[in-house]
Protein backbone atom coordinates (compact mmCIF):
# COMPACT_ATOMS: atom_id res chain seq x y z
CA MET A 1 -13.90 -20.04 -15.93
CA ASP A 2 -17.48 -20.00 -14.61
CA ILE A 3 -18.25 -16.69 -12.83
CA THR A 4 -21.17 -18.30 -10.97
CA ARG A 5 -18.73 -20.68 -9.28
CA TYR A 6 -16.94 -17.78 -7.65
CA CYS A 7 -19.66 -15.16 -7.31
CA SER A 8 -22.87 -16.19 -5.59
CA GLY A 9 -25.74 -14.02 -6.76
CA PHE A 10 -24.36 -13.31 -10.21
CA ARG A 11 -26.68 -15.77 -11.96
CA SER A 12 -29.84 -14.35 -10.35
CA GLU A 13 -28.95 -10.70 -11.09
CA PHE A 14 -27.27 -11.08 -14.50
CA PRO A 15 -28.41 -14.42 -16.00
CA THR A 16 -27.61 -13.54 -19.61
CA TYR A 17 -23.95 -12.87 -18.80
CA THR A 18 -22.98 -16.07 -16.96
CA LYS A 19 -20.92 -17.39 -19.90
CA LEU A 20 -18.62 -14.36 -19.97
CA LYS A 21 -15.24 -14.42 -18.28
CA PRO A 22 -14.78 -11.89 -15.43
CA TRP A 23 -12.52 -9.59 -17.48
CA ASP A 24 -15.09 -9.60 -20.30
CA ILE A 25 -17.80 -8.70 -17.79
CA THR A 26 -15.89 -5.69 -16.47
CA ASP A 27 -15.07 -4.61 -20.06
CA ALA A 28 -18.78 -4.72 -20.99
CA LEU A 29 -20.02 -3.42 -17.66
CA SER A 30 -21.23 -0.06 -18.92
CA SER A 31 -23.73 -1.60 -21.35
CA ILE A 32 -24.67 -4.30 -18.80
CA ILE A 33 -25.55 -1.66 -16.17
CA ILE A 34 -27.43 0.56 -18.62
CA GLU A 35 -29.45 -2.47 -19.76
CA LYS A 36 -30.24 -3.35 -16.13
CA ILE A 37 -31.28 0.22 -15.25
CA ALA A 38 -33.84 0.10 -18.08
CA VAL A 39 -35.75 -2.74 -16.34
CA LEU A 40 -35.55 -1.60 -12.71
CA GLY A 41 -38.84 -1.12 -10.88
CA SER A 42 -40.38 1.85 -9.13
CA ASP A 43 -38.37 1.13 -5.96
CA PHE A 44 -35.47 2.96 -7.61
CA VAL A 45 -35.00 6.66 -8.16
CA ILE A 46 -33.42 6.94 -11.60
CA ASP A 47 -31.68 10.06 -12.86
CA GLY A 48 -30.05 9.45 -16.22
CA HIS A 49 -27.69 6.51 -15.75
CA VAL A 50 -27.77 6.59 -11.94
CA ALA A 51 -30.29 4.35 -10.15
CA VAL A 52 -30.56 4.44 -6.36
CA HIS A 53 -32.95 2.23 -4.40
CA LYS A 54 -35.30 4.20 -2.15
CA THR A 55 -33.98 2.38 0.94
CA ALA A 56 -30.32 3.19 0.23
CA GLU A 57 -28.63 5.83 2.37
CA ILE A 58 -26.05 8.11 0.81
CA GLU A 59 -24.17 10.55 3.03
CA GLN A 60 -23.01 14.04 2.12
CA GLY A 61 -20.17 14.52 -0.33
CA VAL A 62 -20.58 11.27 -2.27
CA VAL A 63 -19.80 11.53 -6.00
CA LEU A 64 -21.77 9.24 -8.34
CA LYS A 65 -20.69 9.01 -11.98
CA GLY A 66 -22.95 6.70 -13.97
CA PRO A 67 -23.84 4.26 -15.02
CA VAL A 68 -24.40 3.19 -11.42
CA ILE A 69 -26.92 0.95 -9.65
CA ILE A 70 -27.15 1.17 -5.85
CA SER A 71 -29.48 -1.54 -4.56
CA ALA A 72 -31.72 -1.87 -1.49
CA SER A 73 -30.38 -1.11 1.99
CA CYS A 74 -26.96 0.06 0.81
CA PHE A 75 -25.06 2.57 2.91
CA ILE A 76 -22.54 4.89 1.26
CA SER A 77 -20.42 6.95 3.67
CA ALA A 78 -19.31 10.53 3.21
CA ASN A 79 -16.91 11.44 0.43
CA ALA A 80 -17.02 8.11 -1.39
CA TYR A 81 -16.19 8.37 -5.09
CA LEU A 82 -18.20 5.89 -7.17
CA ARG A 83 -17.24 5.91 -10.84
CA GLY A 84 -19.36 3.83 -13.11
CA PRO A 85 -19.94 1.49 -14.52
CA LEU A 86 -20.79 0.16 -11.10
CA TYR A 87 -23.25 -2.28 -9.55
CA LEU A 88 -23.80 -2.49 -5.79
CA GLY A 89 -26.01 -5.37 -4.61
CA SER A 90 -28.28 -5.25 -1.56
CA ALA A 91 -26.96 -4.18 1.84
CA VAL A 92 -23.50 -3.20 0.57
CA ARG A 93 -21.66 -0.88 2.97
CA ILE A 94 -19.14 1.61 1.60
CA GLY A 95 -16.90 3.46 4.05
CA PRO A 96 -15.73 7.06 3.95
CA SER A 97 -13.37 8.13 1.17
CA VAL A 98 -13.65 4.82 -0.71
CA GLU A 99 -13.16 4.90 -4.47
CA ILE A 100 -14.80 2.25 -6.65
CA LYS A 101 -14.51 2.15 -10.44
CA GLN A 102 -15.88 -0.23 -13.09
CA SER A 103 -16.82 -2.96 -10.64
CA MET A 104 -19.58 -5.19 -9.30
CA VAL A 105 -20.03 -5.59 -5.55
CA PHE A 106 -22.58 -8.19 -4.43
CA ASP A 107 -24.93 -8.48 -1.45
CA GLY A 108 -23.71 -7.89 2.07
CA THR A 109 -20.18 -6.89 1.13
CA ALA A 110 -18.44 -4.21 3.21
CA ILE A 111 -15.66 -1.98 1.92
CA ALA A 112 -14.16 -0.02 4.82
CA HIS A 113 -12.66 3.49 4.69
CA PHE A 114 -9.81 4.49 2.39
CA ASN A 115 -10.11 1.56 -0.04
CA TYR A 116 -9.78 1.44 -3.82
CA VAL A 117 -11.64 -1.17 -5.87
CA GLY A 118 -11.19 -0.98 -9.64
CA ASN A 119 -12.16 -3.27 -12.51
CA SER A 120 -13.21 -5.95 -10.04
CA ILE A 121 -16.03 -8.30 -9.15
CA LEU A 122 -16.56 -8.88 -5.42
CA GLY A 123 -18.96 -11.64 -4.36
CA GLN A 124 -21.40 -11.74 -1.45
CA GLN A 125 -20.33 -11.14 2.15
CA VAL A 126 -16.80 -9.97 1.27
CA ASN A 127 -15.12 -7.73 3.85
CA LEU A 128 -12.32 -5.38 2.75
CA GLU A 129 -10.80 -3.66 5.76
CA ALA A 130 -9.23 -0.20 5.68
CA GLY A 131 -6.62 0.64 3.10
CA SER A 132 -7.09 -2.26 0.68
CA ILE A 133 -6.38 -1.95 -3.01
CA CYS A 134 -8.17 -4.31 -5.38
CA ALA A 135 -7.47 -3.53 -9.01
CA ASN A 136 -6.68 -4.97 -12.38
CA HIS A 137 -3.12 -5.34 -13.62
CA PHE A 138 -2.03 -5.79 -17.20
CA ASN A 139 -0.45 -9.21 -17.62
CA GLU A 140 2.77 -8.68 -19.58
CA ARG A 141 3.70 -12.36 -19.78
CA ARG A 142 3.77 -14.09 -23.15
CA ASP A 143 1.71 -17.00 -21.81
CA LYS A 144 -1.50 -15.30 -20.63
CA ARG A 145 -3.46 -18.39 -19.68
CA VAL A 146 -5.73 -17.76 -16.70
CA PHE A 147 -6.99 -20.67 -14.67
CA ALA A 148 -8.66 -21.39 -11.34
CA VAL A 149 -6.87 -23.37 -8.65
């Protein structure tokens, strides 16, 4: 499974990880994000394992647990709960009371109010309306082959 086939922007942001399968990416996401934070430029305000671009807007009551990267022109609404490891690409919009954990969200994606996104990779220009749940699930089947259709 080629992540770059399904996630535009992955290759340009994370070129050394294009051979990993999506579930391997989310498993290794903490080290991937920490590695990326180490090479971010002066356009980011970095505090420990939390990096926020200077053009990002974060409203009151947002909880950030690193490692987290919030890229340029992102908007994070009040009371969002962002649990790292987490990568938000440019111009991502997070609604009020959204929880995101161990995920990557690429450019221009919008996650409306009262959503949960966990252990997931969302590509560019994805729109999750209110009340969506996007999370991993342990596959209990004996035949665990995963394939794209």
